[in-house]
């Protein structure tokens, strides 16, 4: 009998293979160009800029919501309560703490994503393969953690929709990581070729 987790993993593997063949196969990515017309590094830079803008907006929204939540808590703390031990007061306190935890987690995650997106943009613009590789490693780690969390949610919860959404997002992000890897390989090959030419000229 096939387990549910095995079925999910098999389907995800098929989707990843399909995305690789569709987006970054030898037919679609040839001679350093994606879709035969767009240079790989240029396409990766455009997506990196979009990622930086998106994560920056999420970070800004999180900061604004955090400030508003803090202001609301401060104002609520100065309001007279008939009974500080009442059920309403406890519920408000728990809701405030939960909101603070969520905003903190989202803020830290968006800050890290924004930093790595900017790092990727800088690495592509200034031709620094190490920075591109750093983003690739970061992306692989995030993808693995998201896949594990999505599969765990699908197996343990009655509603698999969030897990399926997470896997679909991982597939799309994996295609972007493949593009990042192609950009890194192209930059490394260009650096080796450039150094080889310089050695010949020095000789």
N, C-alpha and C. Protein backbone atom coordinates (compact mmCIF):
# COMPACT_ATOMS: atom_id res chain seq x y z
N UNK A 1 0.85 -1.20 0.00
CA UNK A 1 0.00 0.00 0.00
C UNK A 1 0.88 1.24 0.00
N UNK A 2 0.61 2.17 -0.89
CA UNK A 2 1.42 3.38 -1.01
C UNK A 2 1.01 4.38 0.06
N UNK A 3 1.98 4.90 0.75
CA UNK A 3 1.70 5.87 1.79
C UNK A 3 1.37 7.22 1.19
N UNK A 4 0.66 8.02 1.99
CA UNK A 4 0.27 9.34 1.51
C UNK A 4 1.48 10.23 1.30
N UNK A 5 2.45 10.15 2.22
CA UNK A 5 3.66 10.95 2.09
C UNK A 5 4.44 10.61 0.84
N UNK A 6 4.50 9.32 0.48
CA UNK A 6 5.20 8.91 -0.74
C UNK A 6 4.52 9.45 -1.98
N UNK A 7 3.19 9.45 -1.97
CA UNK A 7 2.46 10.00 -3.11
C UNK A 7 2.74 11.49 -3.26
N UNK A 8 2.75 12.21 -2.15
CA UNK A 8 3.01 13.65 -2.21
C UNK A 8 4.41 13.91 -2.73
N UNK A 9 5.40 13.15 -2.23
CA UNK A 9 6.78 13.34 -2.67
C UNK A 9 6.92 13.01 -4.16
N UNK A 10 6.26 11.94 -4.61
CA UNK A 10 6.34 11.56 -6.02
C UNK A 10 5.75 12.63 -6.92
N UNK A 11 4.60 13.16 -6.52
CA UNK A 11 3.97 14.23 -7.32
C UNK A 11 4.84 15.47 -7.35
N UNK A 12 5.42 15.82 -6.20
CA UNK A 12 6.27 17.01 -6.16
C UNK A 12 7.50 16.83 -7.04
N UNK A 13 8.09 15.64 -7.06
CA UNK A 13 9.26 15.38 -7.90
C UNK A 13 8.90 15.52 -9.38
N UNK A 14 7.73 15.03 -9.74
CA UNK A 14 7.30 15.16 -11.14
C UNK A 14 7.10 16.62 -11.53
N UNK A 15 6.54 17.40 -10.62
CA UNK A 15 6.31 18.82 -10.91
C UNK A 15 7.63 19.54 -11.07
N UNK A 16 8.61 19.23 -10.18
CA UNK A 16 9.92 19.88 -10.28
C UNK A 16 10.60 19.52 -11.60
N UNK A 17 10.54 18.25 -11.99
CA UNK A 17 11.15 17.84 -13.25
C UNK A 17 10.48 18.54 -14.43
N UNK A 18 9.16 18.67 -14.35
CA UNK A 18 8.45 19.36 -15.43
C UNK A 18 8.84 20.82 -15.53
N UNK A 19 8.96 21.49 -14.38
CA UNK A 19 9.37 22.89 -14.40
C UNK A 19 10.79 23.04 -14.93
N UNK A 20 11.66 22.10 -14.58
CA UNK A 20 13.04 22.18 -15.08
C UNK A 20 13.08 22.02 -16.59
N UNK A 21 12.31 21.06 -17.10
CA UNK A 21 12.29 20.85 -18.56
C UNK A 21 11.65 22.03 -19.28
N UNK A 22 10.66 22.65 -18.65
CA UNK A 22 9.95 23.75 -19.30
C UNK A 22 10.73 25.04 -19.28
N UNK A 23 11.41 25.32 -18.17
CA UNK A 23 12.03 26.63 -18.00
C UNK A 23 13.52 26.63 -18.31
N UNK A 24 14.24 25.66 -17.78
CA UNK A 24 15.69 25.74 -17.83
C UNK A 24 16.33 24.51 -18.47
N UNK A 25 15.64 23.86 -19.37
CA UNK A 25 16.25 22.73 -20.06
C UNK A 25 17.21 23.26 -21.12
N UNK A 26 17.94 22.35 -21.76
CA UNK A 26 18.90 22.77 -22.78
C UNK A 26 18.21 23.43 -23.96
N UNK A 27 16.93 23.12 -24.16
CA UNK A 27 16.21 23.73 -25.27
C UNK A 27 15.79 25.16 -24.96
N UNK A 28 15.45 25.40 -23.68
CA UNK A 28 14.95 26.71 -23.30
C UNK A 28 16.05 27.63 -22.82
N UNK A 29 17.16 27.08 -22.37
CA UNK A 29 18.27 27.89 -21.87
C UNK A 29 19.52 27.49 -22.65
N UNK A 30 19.84 28.25 -23.67
CA UNK A 30 20.90 27.87 -24.59
C UNK A 30 21.89 29.01 -24.72
N UNK A 31 23.19 28.68 -24.58
CA UNK A 31 24.26 29.66 -24.76
C UNK A 31 24.08 30.86 -23.84
N UNK A 32 23.72 30.59 -22.59
CA UNK A 32 23.60 31.66 -21.60
C UNK A 32 22.37 32.51 -21.75
N UNK A 33 21.39 32.04 -22.53
CA UNK A 33 20.17 32.82 -22.72
C UNK A 33 18.97 31.97 -22.36
N UNK A 34 18.01 32.60 -21.69
CA UNK A 34 16.77 31.94 -21.33
C UNK A 34 15.72 32.25 -22.39
N UNK A 35 15.03 31.22 -22.84
CA UNK A 35 14.05 31.35 -23.92
C UNK A 35 14.70 31.86 -25.21
N UNK A 36 15.99 31.62 -25.37
CA UNK A 36 16.75 31.95 -26.57
C UNK A 36 16.88 33.45 -26.84
N UNK A 37 16.39 34.29 -25.95
CA UNK A 37 16.43 35.72 -26.25
C UNK A 37 16.88 36.56 -25.06
N UNK A 38 16.67 36.11 -23.84
CA UNK A 38 16.99 36.90 -22.66
C UNK A 38 18.23 36.31 -21.99
N UNK A 39 19.29 37.09 -21.82
CA UNK A 39 20.46 36.58 -21.08
C UNK A 39 20.07 36.11 -19.69
N UNK A 40 20.65 35.01 -19.28
CA UNK A 40 20.29 34.41 -17.99
C UNK A 40 20.50 35.38 -16.84
N UNK A 41 21.64 36.08 -16.84
CA UNK A 41 21.91 36.98 -15.73
C UNK A 41 20.95 38.16 -15.71
N UNK A 42 20.52 38.64 -16.89
CA UNK A 42 19.57 39.75 -16.94
C UNK A 42 18.20 39.31 -16.40
N UNK A 43 17.76 38.13 -16.83
CA UNK A 43 16.49 37.62 -16.31
C UNK A 43 16.54 37.40 -14.81
N UNK A 44 17.66 36.88 -14.32
CA UNK A 44 17.82 36.66 -12.89
C UNK A 44 17.83 37.99 -12.14
N UNK A 45 18.46 39.02 -12.72
CA UNK A 45 18.51 40.33 -12.08
C UNK A 45 17.12 40.94 -11.97
N UNK A 46 16.31 40.80 -13.01
CA UNK A 46 14.94 41.34 -12.97
C UNK A 46 14.15 40.67 -11.85
N UNK A 47 14.23 39.34 -11.76
CA UNK A 47 13.51 38.63 -10.71
C UNK A 47 14.07 38.97 -9.33
N UNK A 48 15.38 39.20 -9.23
CA UNK A 48 15.98 39.58 -7.95
C UNK A 48 15.48 40.96 -7.52
N UNK A 49 15.36 41.88 -8.45
CA UNK A 49 14.84 43.21 -8.13
C UNK A 49 13.39 43.12 -7.66
N UNK A 50 12.59 42.30 -8.36
CA UNK A 50 11.20 42.11 -7.95
C UNK A 50 11.14 41.50 -6.55
N UNK A 51 12.02 40.54 -6.28
CA UNK A 51 12.07 39.93 -4.94
C UNK A 51 12.45 40.94 -3.88
N UNK A 52 13.44 41.79 -4.19
CA UNK A 52 13.85 42.81 -3.22
C UNK A 52 12.73 43.80 -2.94
N UNK A 53 12.01 44.20 -3.99
CA UNK A 53 10.91 45.14 -3.80
C UNK A 53 9.79 44.49 -2.98
N UNK A 54 9.45 43.24 -3.33
CA UNK A 54 8.38 42.56 -2.62
C UNK A 54 8.69 42.33 -1.15
N UNK A 55 9.88 41.82 -0.86
CA UNK A 55 10.26 41.58 0.53
C UNK A 55 10.42 42.89 1.29
N UNK A 56 10.89 43.94 0.60
CA UNK A 56 10.99 45.24 1.25
C UNK A 56 9.63 45.80 1.62
N UNK A 57 8.64 45.60 0.75
CA UNK A 57 7.28 46.06 1.06
C UNK A 57 6.68 45.29 2.23
N UNK A 58 6.93 43.97 2.26
CA UNK A 58 6.44 43.17 3.38
C UNK A 58 7.10 43.62 4.68
N UNK A 59 8.40 43.88 4.63
CA UNK A 59 9.12 44.35 5.82
C UNK A 59 8.57 45.68 6.30
N UNK A 60 8.34 46.61 5.36
CA UNK A 60 7.80 47.92 5.72
C UNK A 60 6.40 47.80 6.32
N UNK A 61 5.56 46.95 5.71
CA UNK A 61 4.21 46.75 6.24
C UNK A 61 4.25 46.14 7.64
N UNK A 62 5.18 45.21 7.86
CA UNK A 62 5.31 44.59 9.17
C UNK A 62 5.72 45.62 10.23
N UNK A 63 6.66 46.49 9.86
CA UNK A 63 7.09 47.53 10.80
C UNK A 63 5.94 48.47 11.14
N UNK A 64 5.17 48.87 10.12
CA UNK A 64 4.05 49.79 10.36
C UNK A 64 3.00 49.12 11.26
N UNK A 65 2.68 47.84 10.95
CA UNK A 65 1.71 47.13 11.77
C UNK A 65 2.21 46.95 13.20
N UNK A 66 3.52 46.71 13.34
CA UNK A 66 4.09 46.58 14.68
C UNK A 66 3.98 47.87 15.48
N UNK A 67 4.23 49.00 14.80
CA UNK A 67 4.11 50.30 15.49
C UNK A 67 2.67 50.57 15.90
N UNK A 68 1.73 50.27 14.97
CA UNK A 68 0.32 50.49 15.29
C UNK A 68 -0.14 49.57 16.42
N UNK A 69 0.32 48.31 16.39
CA UNK A 69 -0.06 47.38 17.46
C UNK A 69 0.51 47.82 18.80
N UNK A 70 1.76 48.27 18.79
CA UNK A 70 2.36 48.74 20.05
C UNK A 70 1.62 49.96 20.58
N UNK A 71 1.26 50.87 19.65
CA UNK A 71 0.51 52.06 20.08
C UNK A 71 -0.84 51.67 20.65
N UNK A 72 -1.50 50.69 20.01
CA UNK A 72 -2.80 50.25 20.51
C UNK A 72 -2.69 49.61 21.88
N UNK A 73 -1.63 48.82 22.09
CA UNK A 73 -1.45 48.19 23.41
C UNK A 73 -1.18 49.24 24.47
N UNK A 74 -0.37 50.25 24.13
CA UNK A 74 -0.07 51.30 25.10
C UNK A 74 -1.33 52.08 25.47
N UNK A 75 -2.14 52.39 24.45
CA UNK A 75 -3.39 53.12 24.72
C UNK A 75 -4.35 52.26 25.53
N UNK A 76 -4.41 50.97 25.21
CA UNK A 76 -5.33 50.10 25.95
C UNK A 76 -4.89 49.92 27.39
N UNK A 77 -3.58 49.97 27.62
CA UNK A 77 -3.10 49.78 28.99
C UNK A 77 -3.47 50.94 29.91
N UNK A 78 -3.77 52.09 29.33
CA UNK A 78 -4.15 53.25 30.14
C UNK A 78 -5.66 53.36 30.33
N UNK A 79 -6.39 52.43 29.73
CA UNK A 79 -7.83 52.47 29.91
C UNK A 79 -8.21 51.76 31.21
N UNK A 80 -9.16 52.33 31.95
CA UNK A 80 -9.58 51.68 33.21
C UNK A 80 -10.38 50.42 32.94
N UNK A 81 -9.96 49.34 33.53
CA UNK A 81 -10.68 48.07 33.40
C UNK A 81 -11.40 47.78 34.71
N UNK A 82 -12.62 47.34 34.59
CA UNK A 82 -13.33 47.01 35.83
C UNK A 82 -12.68 45.85 36.58
N UNK A 83 -12.12 44.93 35.88
CA UNK A 83 -11.50 43.77 36.50
C UNK A 83 -10.31 43.32 35.65
N UNK A 84 -9.06 43.61 36.06
CA UNK A 84 -7.89 43.20 35.28
C UNK A 84 -7.80 41.68 35.10
N UNK A 85 -8.47 40.92 35.96
CA UNK A 85 -8.44 39.47 35.85
C UNK A 85 -9.63 38.92 35.07
N UNK A 86 -10.36 39.81 34.41
CA UNK A 86 -11.54 39.36 33.69
C UNK A 86 -11.14 38.59 32.43
N UNK A 87 -12.12 37.88 31.87
CA UNK A 87 -11.88 37.07 30.69
C UNK A 87 -11.54 37.94 29.48
N UNK A 88 -12.21 39.08 29.36
CA UNK A 88 -11.94 39.97 28.23
C UNK A 88 -10.52 40.50 28.26
N UNK A 89 -10.07 40.85 29.47
CA UNK A 89 -8.71 41.38 29.60
C UNK A 89 -7.68 40.31 29.24
N UNK A 90 -7.91 39.08 29.66
CA UNK A 90 -6.98 38.00 29.35
C UNK A 90 -6.95 37.71 27.86
N UNK A 91 -8.12 37.69 27.23
CA UNK A 91 -8.18 37.45 25.80
C UNK A 91 -7.45 38.55 25.02
N UNK A 92 -7.61 39.79 25.46
CA UNK A 92 -6.93 40.89 24.80
C UNK A 92 -5.41 40.77 24.96
N UNK A 93 -4.98 40.35 26.13
CA UNK A 93 -3.54 40.20 26.38
C UNK A 93 -2.96 39.07 25.52
N UNK A 94 -3.68 37.93 25.47
CA UNK A 94 -3.20 36.81 24.64
C UNK A 94 -3.16 37.19 23.17
N UNK A 95 -4.19 37.91 22.71
CA UNK A 95 -4.22 38.33 21.31
C UNK A 95 -3.07 39.29 21.00
N UNK A 96 -2.77 40.18 21.95
CA UNK A 96 -1.65 41.10 21.73
C UNK A 96 -0.32 40.38 21.67
N UNK A 97 -0.13 39.41 22.55
CA UNK A 97 1.12 38.64 22.54
C UNK A 97 1.25 37.83 21.25
N UNK A 98 0.15 37.19 20.84
CA UNK A 98 0.18 36.39 19.61
C UNK A 98 0.48 37.27 18.40
N UNK A 99 -0.13 38.44 18.34
CA UNK A 99 0.13 39.36 17.24
C UNK A 99 1.58 39.81 17.23
N UNK A 100 2.12 40.07 18.42
CA UNK A 100 3.53 40.47 18.50
C UNK A 100 4.47 39.38 18.02
N UNK A 101 4.17 38.13 18.39
CA UNK A 101 5.01 37.01 17.95
C UNK A 101 4.95 36.84 16.45
N UNK A 102 3.74 36.91 15.89
CA UNK A 102 3.59 36.76 14.44
C UNK A 102 4.32 37.86 13.69
N UNK A 103 4.14 39.10 14.14
CA UNK A 103 4.81 40.22 13.48
C UNK A 103 6.33 40.11 13.59
N UNK A 104 6.81 39.62 14.72
CA UNK A 104 8.26 39.46 14.89
C UNK A 104 8.81 38.41 13.94
N UNK A 105 8.13 37.27 13.85
CA UNK A 105 8.58 36.20 12.95
C UNK A 105 8.55 36.66 11.49
N UNK A 106 7.43 37.26 11.11
CA UNK A 106 7.31 37.74 9.72
C UNK A 106 8.34 38.82 9.43
N UNK A 107 8.55 39.71 10.39
CA UNK A 107 9.52 40.78 10.19
C UNK A 107 10.94 40.26 10.03
N UNK A 108 11.33 39.31 10.88
CA UNK A 108 12.68 38.75 10.78
C UNK A 108 12.85 37.99 9.47
N UNK A 109 11.84 37.20 9.10
CA UNK A 109 11.93 36.44 7.84
C UNK A 109 12.01 37.37 6.64
N UNK A 110 11.18 38.41 6.61
CA UNK A 110 11.21 39.34 5.49
C UNK A 110 12.51 40.14 5.46
N UNK A 111 13.07 40.45 6.62
CA UNK A 111 14.34 41.17 6.67
C UNK A 111 15.46 40.31 6.08
N UNK A 112 15.51 39.04 6.47
CA UNK A 112 16.53 38.14 5.93
C UNK A 112 16.35 37.97 4.42
N UNK A 113 15.11 37.79 3.97
CA UNK A 113 14.86 37.64 2.54
C UNK A 113 15.25 38.91 1.78
N UNK A 114 14.96 40.07 2.37
CA UNK A 114 15.32 41.33 1.71
C UNK A 114 16.83 41.48 1.60
N UNK A 115 17.55 41.14 2.66
CA UNK A 115 19.01 41.25 2.65
C UNK A 115 19.61 40.35 1.57
N UNK A 116 19.14 39.11 1.49
CA UNK A 116 19.68 38.20 0.49
C UNK A 116 19.27 38.60 -0.93
N UNK A 117 18.08 39.19 -1.09
CA UNK A 117 17.68 39.67 -2.42
C UNK A 117 18.57 40.82 -2.87
N UNK A 118 18.85 41.75 -1.96
CA UNK A 118 19.77 42.84 -2.29
C UNK A 118 21.17 42.30 -2.57
N UNK A 119 21.57 41.30 -1.80
CA UNK A 119 22.88 40.67 -2.02
C UNK A 119 22.95 40.04 -3.40
N UNK A 120 21.87 39.41 -3.84
CA UNK A 120 21.83 38.81 -5.17
C UNK A 120 21.91 39.88 -6.25
N UNK A 121 21.16 40.96 -6.07
CA UNK A 121 21.22 42.06 -7.05
C UNK A 121 22.63 42.63 -7.15
N UNK A 122 23.26 42.85 -6.02
CA UNK A 122 24.62 43.39 -6.00
C UNK A 122 25.61 42.41 -6.63
N UNK A 123 25.43 41.11 -6.35
CA UNK A 123 26.33 40.12 -6.93
C UNK A 123 26.23 40.04 -8.42
N UNK A 124 25.01 40.17 -8.96
CA UNK A 124 24.85 40.12 -10.42
C UNK A 124 25.39 41.39 -11.06
N UNK A 125 25.07 42.55 -10.48
CA UNK A 125 25.51 43.82 -11.08
C UNK A 125 27.03 43.97 -11.04
N UNK A 126 27.66 43.55 -9.95
CA UNK A 126 29.10 43.72 -9.80
C UNK A 126 29.89 42.46 -10.14
N UNK A 127 29.18 41.46 -10.70
CA UNK A 127 29.83 40.23 -11.15
C UNK A 127 30.60 39.55 -10.03
N UNK A 128 29.91 39.29 -8.93
CA UNK A 128 30.52 38.63 -7.78
C UNK A 128 29.83 37.29 -7.57
N UNK A 129 30.41 36.20 -8.06
CA UNK A 129 29.77 34.88 -7.97
C UNK A 129 29.53 34.43 -6.54
N UNK A 130 30.39 34.84 -5.60
CA UNK A 130 30.22 34.41 -4.21
C UNK A 130 28.90 34.86 -3.63
N UNK A 131 28.47 36.07 -3.95
CA UNK A 131 27.20 36.57 -3.44
C UNK A 131 26.02 35.85 -4.08
N UNK A 132 26.16 35.53 -5.37
CA UNK A 132 25.10 34.77 -6.04
C UNK A 132 25.00 33.38 -5.44
N UNK A 133 26.13 32.76 -5.15
CA UNK A 133 26.13 31.44 -4.53
C UNK A 133 25.53 31.49 -3.13
N UNK A 134 25.81 32.57 -2.39
CA UNK A 134 25.24 32.71 -1.04
C UNK A 134 23.72 32.74 -1.11
N UNK A 135 23.18 33.45 -2.08
CA UNK A 135 21.72 33.48 -2.22
C UNK A 135 21.19 32.10 -2.61
N UNK A 136 21.91 31.40 -3.47
CA UNK A 136 21.47 30.07 -3.89
C UNK A 136 21.41 29.13 -2.69
N UNK A 137 22.42 29.16 -1.83
CA UNK A 137 22.42 28.31 -0.64
C UNK A 137 21.27 28.68 0.28
N UNK A 138 21.07 29.98 0.47
CA UNK A 138 19.94 30.44 1.28
C UNK A 138 18.62 29.94 0.71
N UNK A 139 18.46 30.04 -0.60
CA UNK A 139 17.23 29.59 -1.23
C UNK A 139 17.00 28.10 -1.08
N UNK A 140 18.06 27.32 -1.19
CA UNK A 140 17.93 25.86 -1.03
C UNK A 140 17.48 25.52 0.39
N UNK A 141 18.08 26.17 1.38
CA UNK A 141 17.70 25.92 2.78
C UNK A 141 16.24 26.28 3.01
N UNK A 142 15.82 27.44 2.53
CA UNK A 142 14.43 27.87 2.70
C UNK A 142 13.48 26.91 2.01
N UNK A 143 13.84 26.46 0.80
CA UNK A 143 12.98 25.54 0.07
C UNK A 143 12.82 24.22 0.81
N UNK A 144 13.92 23.68 1.33
CA UNK A 144 13.85 22.42 2.07
C UNK A 144 12.97 22.55 3.31
N UNK A 145 13.15 23.63 4.06
CA UNK A 145 12.34 23.83 5.27
C UNK A 145 10.86 23.99 4.92
N UNK A 146 10.58 24.70 3.82
CA UNK A 146 9.19 24.89 3.41
C UNK A 146 8.56 23.58 2.96
N UNK A 147 9.31 22.76 2.24
CA UNK A 147 8.79 21.46 1.80
C UNK A 147 8.47 20.58 3.01
N UNK A 148 9.38 20.55 3.97
CA UNK A 148 9.14 19.74 5.17
C UNK A 148 7.90 20.22 5.92
N UNK A 149 7.79 21.53 6.08
CA UNK A 149 6.63 22.08 6.79
C UNK A 149 5.34 21.82 6.02
N UNK A 150 5.38 21.93 4.69
CA UNK A 150 4.17 21.72 3.88
C UNK A 150 3.73 20.27 3.94
N UNK A 151 4.67 19.33 3.81
CA UNK A 151 4.32 17.92 3.87
C UNK A 151 3.79 17.55 5.25
N UNK A 152 4.40 18.09 6.30
CA UNK A 152 3.92 17.82 7.65
C UNK A 152 2.51 18.35 7.85
N UNK A 153 2.23 19.51 7.28
CA UNK A 153 0.89 20.07 7.40
C UNK A 153 -0.13 19.21 6.65
N UNK A 154 0.23 18.73 5.46
CA UNK A 154 -0.69 17.92 4.67
C UNK A 154 -0.95 16.57 5.33
N UNK A 155 0.04 16.01 5.99
CA UNK A 155 -0.11 14.69 6.61
C UNK A 155 -0.87 14.78 7.94
N UNK A 156 -0.64 15.83 8.70
CA UNK A 156 -1.17 15.91 10.06
C UNK A 156 -2.47 16.69 10.18
N UNK A 157 -2.79 17.51 9.19
CA UNK A 157 -3.99 18.34 9.28
C UNK A 157 -5.07 17.83 8.33
N UNK A 158 -6.32 18.18 8.65
CA UNK A 158 -7.44 17.77 7.82
C UNK A 158 -7.53 18.58 6.53
N UNK A 159 -7.12 19.84 6.58
CA UNK A 159 -7.18 20.70 5.40
C UNK A 159 -5.80 20.77 4.76
N UNK A 160 -5.60 20.13 3.58
CA UNK A 160 -4.27 20.13 2.96
C UNK A 160 -3.99 21.34 2.10
N UNK A 161 -4.93 22.28 2.01
CA UNK A 161 -4.77 23.42 1.10
C UNK A 161 -3.51 24.24 1.41
N UNK A 162 -3.23 24.60 2.67
CA UNK A 162 -2.00 25.37 2.92
C UNK A 162 -0.74 24.60 2.52
N UNK A 163 -0.72 23.29 2.78
CA UNK A 163 0.44 22.50 2.38
C UNK A 163 0.62 22.44 0.87
N UNK A 164 -0.49 22.27 0.16
CA UNK A 164 -0.42 22.24 -1.30
C UNK A 164 0.06 23.59 -1.83
N UNK A 165 -0.44 24.66 -1.24
CA UNK A 165 0.01 25.99 -1.64
C UNK A 165 1.50 26.18 -1.40
N UNK A 166 1.97 25.66 -0.26
CA UNK A 166 3.40 25.74 0.02
C UNK A 166 4.24 24.97 -0.98
N UNK A 167 3.78 23.78 -1.39
CA UNK A 167 4.52 23.00 -2.38
C UNK A 167 4.52 23.67 -3.74
N UNK A 168 3.40 24.25 -4.12
CA UNK A 168 3.35 24.97 -5.40
C UNK A 168 4.31 26.16 -5.38
N UNK A 169 4.32 26.88 -4.25
CA UNK A 169 5.27 27.98 -4.12
C UNK A 169 6.71 27.51 -4.20
N UNK A 170 6.99 26.34 -3.63
CA UNK A 170 8.35 25.79 -3.69
C UNK A 170 8.73 25.43 -5.12
N UNK A 171 7.78 24.92 -5.89
CA UNK A 171 8.07 24.58 -7.29
C UNK A 171 8.43 25.83 -8.07
N UNK A 172 7.65 26.89 -7.89
CA UNK A 172 7.93 28.14 -8.59
C UNK A 172 9.27 28.71 -8.15
N UNK A 173 9.53 28.68 -6.85
CA UNK A 173 10.79 29.21 -6.33
C UNK A 173 11.97 28.35 -6.77
N UNK A 174 11.76 27.04 -6.92
CA UNK A 174 12.83 26.16 -7.41
C UNK A 174 13.25 26.54 -8.82
N UNK A 175 12.28 26.91 -9.65
CA UNK A 175 12.61 27.35 -11.01
C UNK A 175 13.49 28.61 -10.95
N UNK A 176 13.19 29.52 -10.03
CA UNK A 176 14.01 30.71 -9.87
C UNK A 176 15.41 30.36 -9.38
N UNK A 177 15.49 29.39 -8.45
CA UNK A 177 16.81 28.97 -7.97
C UNK A 177 17.63 28.33 -9.08
N UNK A 178 16.98 27.61 -9.98
CA UNK A 178 17.70 27.05 -11.13
C UNK A 178 18.28 28.17 -11.99
N UNK A 179 17.50 29.24 -12.14
CA UNK A 179 17.99 30.40 -12.89
C UNK A 179 19.17 31.05 -12.17
N UNK A 180 19.10 31.13 -10.85
CA UNK A 180 20.22 31.67 -10.07
C UNK A 180 21.47 30.80 -10.25
N UNK A 181 21.27 29.49 -10.24
CA UNK A 181 22.42 28.59 -10.42
C UNK A 181 23.02 28.72 -11.81
N UNK A 182 22.17 28.88 -12.82
CA UNK A 182 22.68 29.08 -14.18
C UNK A 182 23.48 30.39 -14.26
N UNK A 183 22.99 31.42 -13.58
CA UNK A 183 23.71 32.70 -13.55
C UNK A 183 25.06 32.55 -12.87
N UNK A 184 25.09 31.82 -11.76
CA UNK A 184 26.34 31.58 -11.05
C UNK A 184 27.33 30.81 -11.93
N UNK A 185 26.85 29.79 -12.61
CA UNK A 185 27.72 29.01 -13.48
C UNK A 185 28.27 29.86 -14.62
N UNK A 186 27.43 30.71 -15.18
CA UNK A 186 27.86 31.58 -16.26
C UNK A 186 28.91 32.57 -15.79
N UNK A 187 28.72 33.13 -14.59
CA UNK A 187 29.68 34.08 -14.05
C UNK A 187 31.01 33.41 -13.74
N UNK A 188 30.95 32.20 -13.20
CA UNK A 188 32.19 31.47 -12.91
C UNK A 188 32.94 31.14 -14.20
N UNK A 189 32.20 30.71 -15.23
CA UNK A 189 32.84 30.40 -16.50
C UNK A 189 33.45 31.65 -17.11
N UNK A 190 32.76 32.78 -17.00
CA UNK A 190 33.31 34.02 -17.53
C UNK A 190 34.55 34.46 -16.79
N UNK A 191 34.57 34.26 -15.47
CA UNK A 191 35.75 34.63 -14.68
C UNK A 191 36.95 33.77 -15.03
N UNK A 192 36.73 32.47 -15.24
CA UNK A 192 37.83 31.58 -15.62
C UNK A 192 38.38 31.95 -16.98
N UNK A 193 37.47 32.23 -17.90
CA UNK A 193 37.91 32.61 -19.24
C UNK A 193 38.67 33.93 -19.23
N UNK A 194 38.18 34.88 -18.41
CA UNK A 194 38.85 36.17 -18.33
C UNK A 194 40.25 36.03 -17.74
N UNK A 195 40.38 35.23 -16.67
CA UNK A 195 41.69 35.02 -16.08
C UNK A 195 42.63 34.31 -17.05
N UNK A 196 42.10 33.39 -17.84
CA UNK A 196 42.93 32.68 -18.80
C UNK A 196 43.47 33.64 -19.86
N UNK A 197 42.62 34.53 -20.32
CA UNK A 197 43.06 35.52 -21.31
C UNK A 197 44.11 36.43 -20.74
N UNK A 198 43.95 36.83 -19.49
CA UNK A 198 44.91 37.74 -18.88
C UNK A 198 46.26 37.04 -18.71
N UNK A 199 46.27 35.78 -18.36
CA UNK A 199 47.53 35.06 -18.24
C UNK A 199 48.24 34.95 -19.58
N UNK A 200 47.48 34.75 -20.63
CA UNK A 200 48.09 34.67 -21.95
C UNK A 200 48.69 36.01 -22.35
N UNK A 201 47.94 37.08 -22.04
CA UNK A 201 48.45 38.40 -22.39
C UNK A 201 49.70 38.74 -21.57
N UNK A 202 49.69 38.36 -20.28
CA UNK A 202 50.87 38.64 -19.46
C UNK A 202 52.09 37.88 -19.97
N UNK A 203 51.85 36.69 -20.47
CA UNK A 203 52.95 35.90 -20.98
C UNK A 203 53.48 36.53 -22.26
